[in-house]
Amino acid sequence: MIHRTCDPVERPFIAMKGGYDYQKFVYWLEGSLFHDLKAEIEAGGVSLTETKKAVCTPLSKRVEAGYVLPETWGHFELCQRQLSWYRSSAYHGKILLVSSFDLKDYEMHFEVIIRQSVFKPSSLPSTEEKARLIERLSYKNARPEEWNNIGSQEVKEKERWLKVMGLRGVTFEELFVSHCANHANFIEPAYFVLEGDERVPYSICKTSHVCSACMEWYNIIGGSYSKKLVVPCPGAVLFAGLVTNRYYEVTQCTSN
């Protein structure tokens, strides 16, 4: 992917003294470039943390700069099926680097920048409306075969997933409709806000019904839109400390 010179666009975010309350810069790198960059950054006194399980971990405020190697995307059992979106994407084989600071001093240009947003939708779609979203050809053509193969999961694994999300009285199959519809809305938005003539799709479920939000954080899903408003999944709350039901703005780099 060709990287362009990028400058963060200033927005009315919740800020604290010295800068934004939360921001992360996301980069996708070829192996040789990453290793050179890693050596240069660490020579400057910043340690890069390797993620070996949940790929959302580098989004944590506690991680100043973290990275995910290509093989890691298949290691974490709880998210293995969900991360098939990465394995079927143009980023497959690249190294993900997430930093709390802009790497422009290293002549690097970010893919997206993630910041907290004050956005709140006026309403969320019903179960029937979600079901219609996943009947769209755009979603069916984009989804990896492995993502849809929930029948292969053992009963204990499904029960474990429901327990992680604290859900009772709902089957995994019912929950999966929400998972699919949420991704579908970033592929061909039915629920969005307008900034000028531009559509800005947003998460259509609360955290408990969102899955693999990292696909939107890291621009694997929704890359056709310059901005997205994304709610963290339970994993991002658990492993990265993101705020439940809070929307985060994910903005792609813009040309000078």
C-alpha atoms as a PDB file:
ATOM      1  CA  MET A   1       0.000   0.000   0.000  1.00  0.00           C
ATOM      2  CA  ILE A   2       1.286   3.455  -0.902  1.00  0.00           C
ATOM      3  CA  HIS A   3       1.559   5.666   2.166  1.00  0.00           C
ATOM      4  CA  ARG A   4       0.896   9.355   1.761  1.00  0.00           C
ATOM      5  CA  THR A   5       2.140  12.209   3.909  1.00  0.00           C
ATOM      6  CA  CYS A   6      -0.485  12.537   6.605  1.00  0.00           C
ATOM      7  CA  ASP A   7      -1.444  15.185   9.094  1.00  0.00           C
ATOM      8  CA  PRO A   8      -3.996  14.600  11.874  1.00  0.00           C
ATOM      9  CA  VAL A   9      -7.125  16.668  11.341  1.00  0.00           C
ATOM     10  CA  GLU A  10      -7.969  18.645  14.456  1.00  0.00           C
ATOM     11  CA  ARG A  11     -11.363  17.743  15.947  1.00  0.00           C
ATOM     12  CA  PRO A  12     -13.254  18.738  19.123  1.00  0.00           C
ATOM     13  CA  PHE A  13     -12.160  15.719  21.161  1.00  0.00           C
ATOM     14  CA  ILE A  14     -12.038  15.405  24.911  1.00  0.00           C
ATOM     15  CA  ALA A  15      -8.542  16.620  25.690  1.00  0.00           C
ATOM     16  CA  MET A  16      -6.350  16.753  28.746  1.00  0.00           C
ATOM     17  CA  LYS A  17      -3.351  18.903  29.637  1.00  0.00           C
ATOM     18  CA  GLY A  18      -0.599  18.290  27.124  1.00  0.00           C
ATOM     19  CA  GLY A  19      -2.704  16.647  24.423  1.00  0.00           C
ATOM     20  CA  TYR A  20      -5.528  14.256  23.721  1.00  0.00           C
ATOM     21  CA  ASP A  21      -6.885  11.983  26.407  1.00  0.00           C
ATOM     22  CA  TYR A  22      -6.440   9.050  24.042  1.00  0.00           C
ATOM     23  CA  GLN A  23      -4.819   8.673  20.650  1.00  0.00           C
ATOM     24  CA  LYS A  24      -3.092   5.890  18.761  1.00  0.00           C
ATOM     25  CA  PHE A  25      -1.299   5.903  15.415  1.00  0.00           C
ATOM     26  CA  VAL A  26      -1.599   2.723  13.330  1.00  0.00           C
ATOM     27  CA  TYR A  27       0.966   1.558  10.762  1.00  0.00           C
ATOM     28  CA  TRP A  28       1.177  -1.493   8.475  1.00  0.00           C
ATOM     29  CA  LEU A  29       4.745  -2.363   7.502  1.00  0.00           C
ATOM     30  CA  GLU A  30       6.704  -4.854   5.456  1.00  0.00           C
ATOM     31  CA  GLY A  31       9.077  -6.970   7.535  1.00  0.00           C
ATOM     32  CA  SER A  32      12.377  -5.428   6.416  1.00  0.00           C
ATOM     33  CA  LEU A  33      11.130  -1.870   6.975  1.00  0.00           C
ATOM     34  CA  PHE A  34       9.701  -2.758  10.381  1.00  0.00           C
ATOM     35  CA  HIS A  35      12.931  -4.259  11.700  1.00  0.00           C
ATOM     36  CA  ASP A  36      14.946  -1.207  10.619  1.00  0.00           C
ATOM     37  CA  LEU A  37      12.368   1.104  12.187  1.00  0.00           C
ATOM     38  CA  LYS A  38      12.238  -0.923  15.412  1.00  0.00           C
ATOM     39  CA  ALA A  39      15.994  -0.682  15.825  1.00  0.00           C
ATOM     40  CA  GLU A  40      15.916   3.069  15.219  1.00  0.00           C
ATOM     41  CA  ILE A  41      13.051   3.704  17.668  1.00  0.00           C
ATOM     42  CA  GLU A  42      14.599   1.558  20.395  1.00  0.00           C
ATOM     43  CA  ALA A  43      17.940   3.316  19.891  1.00  0.00           C
ATOM     44  CA  GLY A  44      16.056   6.464  20.870  1.00  0.00           C
ATOM     45  CA  GLY A  45      15.042   4.928  24.194  1.00  0.00           C
ATOM     46  CA  VAL A  46      11.522   3.708  23.385  1.00  0.00           C
ATOM     47  CA  SER A  47      10.858   0.011  23.849  1.00  0.00           C
ATOM     48  CA  LEU A  48       8.480  -1.709  21.404  1.00  0.00           C
ATOM     49  CA  THR A  49       6.257  -4.333  23.014  1.00  0.00           C
ATOM     50  CA  GLU A  50       5.487  -7.485  21.056  1.00  0.00           C
ATOM     51  CA  THR A  51       1.893  -8.722  21.317  1.00  0.00           C
ATOM     52  CA  LYS A  52       1.729 -12.505  21.533  1.00  0.00           C
ATOM     53  CA  LYS A  53      -1.992 -13.050  22.171  1.00  0.00           C
ATOM     54  CA  ALA A  54      -4.838 -10.544  21.782  1.00  0.00           C
ATOM     55  CA  VAL A  55      -4.047  -8.253  18.829  1.00  0.00           C
ATOM     56  CA  CYS A  56      -5.942  -5.360  20.432  1.00  0.00           C
ATOM     57  CA  THR A  57      -3.400  -5.146  23.293  1.00  0.00           C
ATOM     58  CA  PRO A  58      -1.315  -2.370  21.634  1.00  0.00           C
ATOM     59  CA  LEU A  59      -4.392  -0.113  21.845  1.00  0.00           C
ATOM     60  CA  SER A  60      -3.893   0.081  25.607  1.00  0.00           C
ATOM     61  CA  LYS A  61      -2.720   3.381  27.079  1.00  0.00           C
ATOM     62  CA  ARG A  62      -0.167   1.344  29.020  1.00  0.00           C
ATOM     63  CA  VAL A  63       1.561   0.300  25.780  1.00  0.00           C
ATOM     64  CA  GLU A  64       3.544   3.218  24.398  1.00  0.00           C
ATOM     65  CA  ALA A  65       4.328   1.348  21.193  1.00  0.00           C
ATOM     66  CA  GLY A  66       3.446  -2.224  20.342  1.00  0.00           C
ATOM     67  CA  TYR A  67       3.507  -4.531  17.356  1.00  0.00           C
ATOM     68  CA  VAL A  68       1.860  -7.704  16.071  1.00  0.00           C
ATOM     69  CA  LEU A  69       3.723 -10.170  13.856  1.00  0.00           C
ATOM     70  CA  PRO A  70       1.798 -11.936  11.045  1.00  0.00           C
ATOM     71  CA  GLU A  71       1.917 -15.350  12.739  1.00  0.00           C
ATOM     72  CA  THR A  72       0.340 -13.968  15.932  1.00  0.00           C
ATOM     73  CA  TRP A  73      -3.018 -13.459  14.208  1.00  0.00           C
ATOM     74  CA  GLY A  74      -3.613 -17.208  14.281  1.00  0.00           C
ATOM     75  CA  HIS A  75      -2.362 -17.933  17.795  1.00  0.00           C
ATOM     76  CA  PHE A  76      -5.036 -16.582  20.133  1.00  0.00           C
ATOM     77  CA  GLU A  77      -7.673 -19.297  20.356  1.00  0.00           C
ATOM     78  CA  LEU A  78     -10.534 -17.064  21.523  1.00  0.00           C
ATOM     79  CA  CYS A  79     -10.265 -14.851  18.423  1.00  0.00           C
ATOM     80  CA  GLN A  80      -8.855 -17.270  15.857  1.00  0.00           C
ATOM     81  CA  ARG A  81     -11.966 -17.513  13.668  1.00  0.00           C
ATOM     82  CA  GLN A  82     -12.689 -13.799  13.971  1.00  0.00           C
ATOM     83  CA  LEU A  83      -9.215 -12.818  12.794  1.00  0.00           C
ATOM     84  CA  SER A  84      -9.788 -14.605   9.482  1.00  0.00           C
ATOM     85  CA  TRP A  85     -10.689 -11.118   8.205  1.00  0.00           C
ATOM     86  CA  TYR A  86      -6.993 -10.221   8.539  1.00  0.00           C
ATOM     87  CA  ARG A  87      -5.853 -13.412   6.867  1.00  0.00           C
ATOM     88  CA  SER A  88      -8.048 -12.685   3.838  1.00  0.00           C
ATOM     89  CA  SER A  89      -7.087  -8.997   3.620  1.00  0.00           C
ATOM     90  CA  ALA A  90      -4.466  -7.024   1.714  1.00  0.00           C
ATOM     91  CA  TYR A  91      -2.593  -6.624   5.033  1.00  0.00           C
ATOM     92  CA  HIS A  92      -1.969 -10.355   5.431  1.00  0.00           C
ATOM     93  CA  GLY A  93       1.744 -10.917   5.928  1.00  0.00           C
ATOM     94  CA  LYS A  94       2.433  -7.360   7.073  1.00  0.00           C
ATOM     95  CA  ILE A  95       3.449  -6.290  10.567  1.00  0.00           C
ATOM     96  CA  LEU A  96       1.086  -4.090  12.561  1.00  0.00           C
ATOM     97  CA  LEU A  97       2.637  -1.284  14.590  1.00  0.00           C
ATOM     98  CA  VAL A  98       0.534   0.822  16.981  1.00  0.00           C
ATOM     99  CA  SER A  99       2.104   3.855  18.639  1.00  0.00           C
ATOM    100  CA  SER A 100       0.935   6.481  21.126  1.00  0.00           C
ATOM    101  CA  PHE A 101       2.998   9.058  19.248  1.00  0.00           C
ATOM    102  CA  ASP A 102       3.337  10.030  15.598  1.00  0.00           C
ATOM    103  CA  LEU A 103       6.354   8.471  13.886  1.00  0.00           C
ATOM    104  CA  LYS A 104       6.764  11.305  11.392  1.00  0.00           C
ATOM    105  CA  ASP A 105      10.262  11.978  12.773  1.00  0.00           C
ATOM    106  CA  TYR A 106      11.159   8.547  11.367  1.00  0.00           C
ATOM    107  CA  GLU A 107       9.627   9.486   8.009  1.00  0.00           C
ATOM    108  CA  MET A 108       6.688   7.168   8.639  1.00  0.00           C
ATOM    109  CA  HIS A 109       3.095   8.005   7.749  1.00  0.00           C
ATOM    110  CA  PHE A 110       0.254   6.475   9.689  1.00  0.00           C
ATOM    111  CA  GLU A 111      -2.558   4.412   8.183  1.00  0.00           C
ATOM    112  CA  VAL A 112      -5.145   5.686  10.672  1.00  0.00           C
ATOM    113  CA  ILE A 113      -5.267   7.663  13.883  1.00  0.00           C
ATOM    114  CA  ILE A 114      -7.644   6.600  16.673  1.00  0.00           C
ATOM    115  CA  ARG A 115      -9.079   9.111  19.137  1.00  0.00           C
ATOM    116  CA  GLN A 116     -11.952   9.245  21.582  1.00  0.00           C
ATOM    117  CA  SER A 117     -15.185  10.714  20.290  1.00  0.00           C
ATOM    118  CA  VAL A 118     -18.216  12.262  21.967  1.00  0.00           C
ATOM    119  CA  PHE A 119     -20.502  10.741  19.325  1.00  0.00           C
ATOM    120  CA  LYS A 120     -23.660   8.944  20.473  1.00  0.00           C
ATOM    121  CA  PRO A 121     -26.199   7.527  18.007  1.00  0.00           C
ATOM    122  CA  SER A 122     -29.817   8.532  18.500  1.00  0.00           C
ATOM    123  CA  SER A 123     -30.890   4.888  18.124  1.00  0.00           C
ATOM    124  CA  LEU A 124     -29.603   1.450  17.148  1.00  0.00           C
ATOM    125  CA  PRO A 125     -31.154  -0.969  14.633  1.00  0.00           C
ATOM    126  CA  SER A 126     -33.532  -3.741  15.632  1.00  0.00           C
ATOM    127  CA  THR A 127     -32.802  -7.441  15.246  1.00  0.00           C
ATOM    128  CA  GLU A 128     -34.810  -7.487  12.016  1.00  0.00           C
ATOM    129  CA  GLU A 129     -32.871  -4.537  10.610  1.00  0.00           C
ATOM    130  CA  LYS A 130     -29.581  -6.235  11.468  1.00  0.00           C
ATOM    131  CA  ALA A 131     -30.725  -9.393   9.696  1.00  0.00           C
ATOM    132  CA  ARG A 132     -31.386  -7.384   6.530  1.00  0.00           C
ATOM    133  CA  LEU A 133     -27.862  -5.943   6.632  1.00  0.00           C
ATOM    134  CA  ILE A 134     -26.209  -9.340   6.452  1.00  0.00           C
ATOM    135  CA  GLU A 135     -28.270 -10.321   3.422  1.00  0.00           C
ATOM    136  CA  ARG A 136     -26.495  -7.698   1.341  1.00  0.00           C
ATOM    137  CA  LEU A 137     -24.206  -9.022  -1.387  1.00  0.00           C
ATOM    138  CA  SER A 138     -21.481  -6.574  -0.362  1.00  0.00           C
ATOM    139  CA  TYR A 139     -21.227  -8.298   3.009  1.00  0.00           C
ATOM    140  CA  LYS A 140     -21.563 -11.832   1.664  1.00  0.00           C
ATOM    141  CA  ASN A 141     -18.834 -11.228  -0.904  1.00  0.00           C
ATOM    142  CA  ALA A 142     -16.472  -9.684   1.656  1.00  0.00           C
ATOM    143  CA  ARG A 143     -16.779 -12.132   4.549  1.00  0.00           C
ATOM    144  CA  PRO A 144     -14.133 -14.862   4.843  1.00  0.00           C
ATOM    145  CA  GLU A 145     -15.462 -18.406   4.763  1.00  0.00           C
ATOM    146  CA  GLU A 146     -13.836 -19.137   8.113  1.00  0.00           C
ATOM    147  CA  TRP A 147     -15.597 -16.185   9.785  1.00  0.00           C
ATOM    148  CA  ASN A 148     -18.986 -17.659   8.991  1.00  0.00           C
ATOM    149  CA  ASN A 149     -18.086 -21.167  10.117  1.00  0.00           C
ATOM    150  CA  ILE A 150     -19.405 -20.952  13.679  1.00  0.00           C
ATOM    151  CA  GLY A 151     -20.800 -24.489  13.489  1.00  0.00           C
ATOM    152  CA  SER A 152     -17.266 -25.838  13.800  1.00  0.00           C
ATOM    153  CA  GLN A 153     -16.835 -24.347  17.259  1.00  0.00           C
ATOM    154  CA  GLU A 154     -17.331 -26.626  20.208  1.00  0.00           C
ATOM    155  CA  VAL A 155     -20.188 -25.955  22.617  1.00  0.00           C
ATOM    156  CA  LYS A 156     -17.764 -25.157  25.447  1.00  0.00           C
ATOM    157  CA  GLU A 157     -16.010 -22.536  23.328  1.00  0.00           C
ATOM    158  CA  LYS A 158     -19.314 -20.832  22.505  1.00  0.00           C
ATOM    159  CA  GLU A 159     -20.298 -20.832  26.167  1.00  0.00           C
ATOM    160  CA  ARG A 160     -16.920 -19.347  27.035  1.00  0.00           C
ATOM    161  CA  TRP A 161     -17.506 -16.507  24.565  1.00  0.00           C
ATOM    162  CA  LEU A 162     -20.921 -15.710  26.064  1.00  0.00           C
ATOM    163  CA  LYS A 163     -19.388 -15.735  29.536  1.00  0.00           C
ATOM    164  CA  VAL A 164     -16.674 -13.272  28.441  1.00  0.00           C
ATOM    165  CA  MET A 165     -19.411 -10.889  27.316  1.00  0.00           C
ATOM    166  CA  GLY A 166     -21.554 -11.427  30.407  1.00  0.00           C
ATOM    167  CA  LEU A 167     -24.607 -12.387  28.341  1.00  0.00           C
ATOM    168  CA  ARG A 168     -27.441 -14.558  29.555  1.00  0.00           C
ATOM    169  CA  GLY A 169     -30.597 -15.739  27.801  1.00  0.00           C
ATOM    170  CA  VAL A 170     -29.156 -15.447  24.291  1.00  0.00           C
ATOM    171  CA  THR A 171     -27.661 -18.107  22.037  1.00  0.00           C
ATOM    172  CA  PHE A 172     -24.354 -17.638  20.295  1.00  0.00           C
ATOM    173  CA  GLU A 173     -26.142 -17.959  16.946  1.00  0.00           C
ATOM    174  CA  GLU A 174     -28.396 -15.009  17.853  1.00  0.00           C
ATOM    175  CA  LEU A 175     -25.420 -12.966  18.988  1.00  0.00           C
ATOM    176  CA  PHE A 176     -23.582 -13.779  15.772  1.00  0.00           C
ATOM    177  CA  VAL A 177     -26.211 -11.884  13.763  1.00  0.00           C
ATOM    178  CA  SER A 178     -25.154  -8.714  15.601  1.00  0.00           C
ATOM    179  CA  HIS A 179     -21.473  -9.488  15.019  1.00  0.00           C
ATOM    180  CA  CYS A 180     -22.064  -9.878  11.281  1.00  0.00           C
ATOM    181  CA  ALA A 181     -24.352  -6.860  10.934  1.00  0.00           C
ATOM    182  CA  ASN A 182     -21.891  -4.600  12.707  1.00  0.00           C
ATOM    183  CA  HIS A 183     -19.111  -5.485  10.257  1.00  0.00           C
ATOM    184  CA  ALA A 184     -21.570  -5.261   7.353  1.00  0.00           C
ATOM    185  CA  ASN A 185     -22.364  -1.663   8.244  1.00  0.00           C
ATOM    186  CA  PHE A 186     -18.717  -0.707   7.736  1.00  0.00           C
ATOM    187  CA  ILE A 187     -18.625  -2.457   4.360  1.00  0.00           C
ATOM    188  CA  GLU A 188     -21.764  -0.828   2.941  1.00  0.00           C
ATOM    189  CA  PRO A 189     -23.176   1.583   5.517  1.00  0.00           C
ATOM    190  CA  ALA A 190     -26.885   1.772   6.178  1.00  0.00           C
ATOM    191  CA  TYR A 191     -26.290   3.579   9.475  1.00  0.00           C
ATOM    192  CA  PHE A 192     -23.963   6.563   9.268  1.00  0.00           C
ATOM    193  CA  VAL A 193     -23.599  10.274   9.899  1.00  0.00           C
ATOM    194  CA  LEU A 194     -22.741  12.805   7.221  1.00  0.00           C
ATOM    195  CA  GLU A 195     -19.778  15.173   7.261  1.00  0.00           C
ATOM    196  CA  GLY A 196     -20.456  17.270   4.209  1.00  0.00           C
ATOM    197  CA  ASP A 197     -21.137  14.722   1.479  1.00  0.00           C
ATOM    198  CA  GLU A 198     -19.104  12.011   3.170  1.00  0.00           C
ATOM    199  CA  ARG A 199     -20.612   9.038   4.968  1.00  0.00           C
ATOM    200  CA  VAL A 200     -19.136   8.157   8.346  1.00  0.00           C
ATOM    201  CA  PRO A 201     -20.325   4.660   9.357  1.00  0.00           C
ATOM    202  CA  TYR A 202     -20.643   3.780  13.019  1.00  0.00           C
ATOM    203  CA  SER A 203     -20.952   0.681  15.214  1.00  0.00           C
ATOM    204  CA  ILE A 204     -24.585  -0.376  15.411  1.00  0.00           C
ATOM    205  CA  CYS A 205     -24.330  -2.407  18.624  1.00  0.00           C
ATOM    206  CA  LYS A 206     -23.238  -1.875  22.184  1.00  0.00           C
ATOM    207  CA  THR A 207     -19.969  -3.415  23.354  1.00  0.00           C
ATOM    208  CA  SER A 208     -21.605  -6.645  24.559  1.00  0.00           C
ATOM    209  CA  HIS A 209     -22.831  -7.388  21.016  1.00  0.00           C
ATOM    210  CA  VAL A 210     -19.726  -6.265  19.088  1.00  0.00           C
ATOM    211  CA  CYS A 211     -17.050  -8.700  17.943  1.00  0.00           C
ATOM    212  CA  SER A 212     -13.539  -8.171  16.555  1.00  0.00           C
ATOM    213  CA  ALA A 213     -13.688  -4.369  16.551  1.00  0.00           C
ATOM    214  CA  CYS A 214      -9.955  -4.456  15.824  1.00  0.00           C
ATOM    215  CA  MET A 215     -10.895  -5.097  12.195  1.00  0.00           C
ATOM    216  CA  GLU A 216     -12.244  -1.549  12.095  1.00  0.00           C
ATOM    217  CA  TRP A 217      -9.536  -0.059  14.361  1.00  0.00           C
ATOM    218  CA  TYR A 218      -6.822  -1.349  12.055  1.00  0.00           C
ATOM    219  CA  ASN A 219      -8.644  -0.449   8.832  1.00  0.00           C
ATOM    220  CA  ILE A 220      -9.054  -4.057   7.681  1.00  0.00           C
ATOM    221  CA  ILE A 221     -12.817  -3.485   7.424  1.00  0.00           C
ATOM    222  CA  GLY A 222     -14.180  -0.104   6.362  1.00  0.00           C
ATOM    223  CA  GLY A 223     -11.125   1.119   4.529  1.00  0.00           C
ATOM    224  CA  SER A 224     -13.318   2.625   1.806  1.00  0.00           C
ATOM    225  CA  TYR A 225     -14.369   5.350   4.243  1.00  0.00           C
ATOM    226  CA  SER A 226     -11.981   8.020   5.469  1.00  0.00           C
ATOM    227  CA  LYS A 227     -13.568   8.001   8.905  1.00  0.00           C
ATOM    228  CA  LYS A 228     -15.344   5.465  11.106  1.00  0.00           C
ATOM    229  CA  LEU A 229     -16.896   5.620  14.585  1.00  0.00           C
ATOM    230  CA  VAL A 230     -16.140   2.390  16.408  1.00  0.00           C
ATOM    231  CA  VAL A 231     -17.273   0.912  19.720  1.00  0.00           C
ATOM    232  CA  PRO A 232     -14.847  -1.537  21.389  1.00  0.00           C
ATOM    233  CA  CYS A 233     -15.679  -5.222  21.602  1.00  0.00           C
ATOM    234  CA  PRO A 234     -15.435  -6.985  24.987  1.00  0.00           C
ATOM    235  CA  GLY A 235     -11.904  -8.130  24.127  1.00  0.00           C
ATOM    236  CA  ALA A 236     -10.716  -4.549  23.582  1.00  0.00           C
ATOM    237  CA  VAL A 237     -12.216  -3.580  26.943  1.00  0.00           C
ATOM    238  CA  LEU A 238     -10.614  -6.562  28.670  1.00  0.00           C
ATOM    239  CA  PHE A 239      -7.171  -6.568  27.036  1.00  0.00           C
ATOM    240  CA  ALA A 240      -6.684  -2.903  26.065  1.00  0.00           C
ATOM    241  CA  GLY A 241      -8.724  -1.081  28.711  1.00  0.00           C
ATOM    242  CA  LEU A 242     -10.914   0.760  26.208  1.00  0.00           C
ATOM    243  CA  VAL A 243     -14.142   2.215  27.529  1.00  0.00           C
ATOM    244  CA  THR A 244     -17.328   0.138  27.263  1.00  0.00           C
ATOM    245  CA  ASN A 245     -19.853   1.591  24.782  1.00  0.00           C
ATOM    246  CA  ARG A 246     -17.586   4.576  24.057  1.00  0.00           C
ATOM    247  CA  TYR A 247     -17.215   5.554  20.403  1.00  0.00           C
ATOM    248  CA  TYR A 248     -13.713   6.112  19.048  1.00  0.00           C
ATOM    249  CA  GLU A 249     -13.051   7.990  15.829  1.00  0.00           C
ATOM    250  CA  VAL A 250     -10.824   6.171  13.353  1.00  0.00           C
ATOM    251  CA  THR A 251      -9.504   8.581  10.707  1.00  0.00           C
ATOM    252  CA  GLN A 252      -7.369   7.674   7.718  1.00  0.00           C
ATOM    253  CA  CYS A 253      -4.409   9.777   6.723  1.00  0.00           C
ATOM    254  CA  THR A 254      -5.082  12.666   4.354  1.00  0.00           C
ATOM    255  CA  SER A 255      -2.859  14.121   1.652  1.00  0.00           C
ATOM    256  CA  ASN A 256      -1.247  17.485   2.207  1.00  0.00           C
END
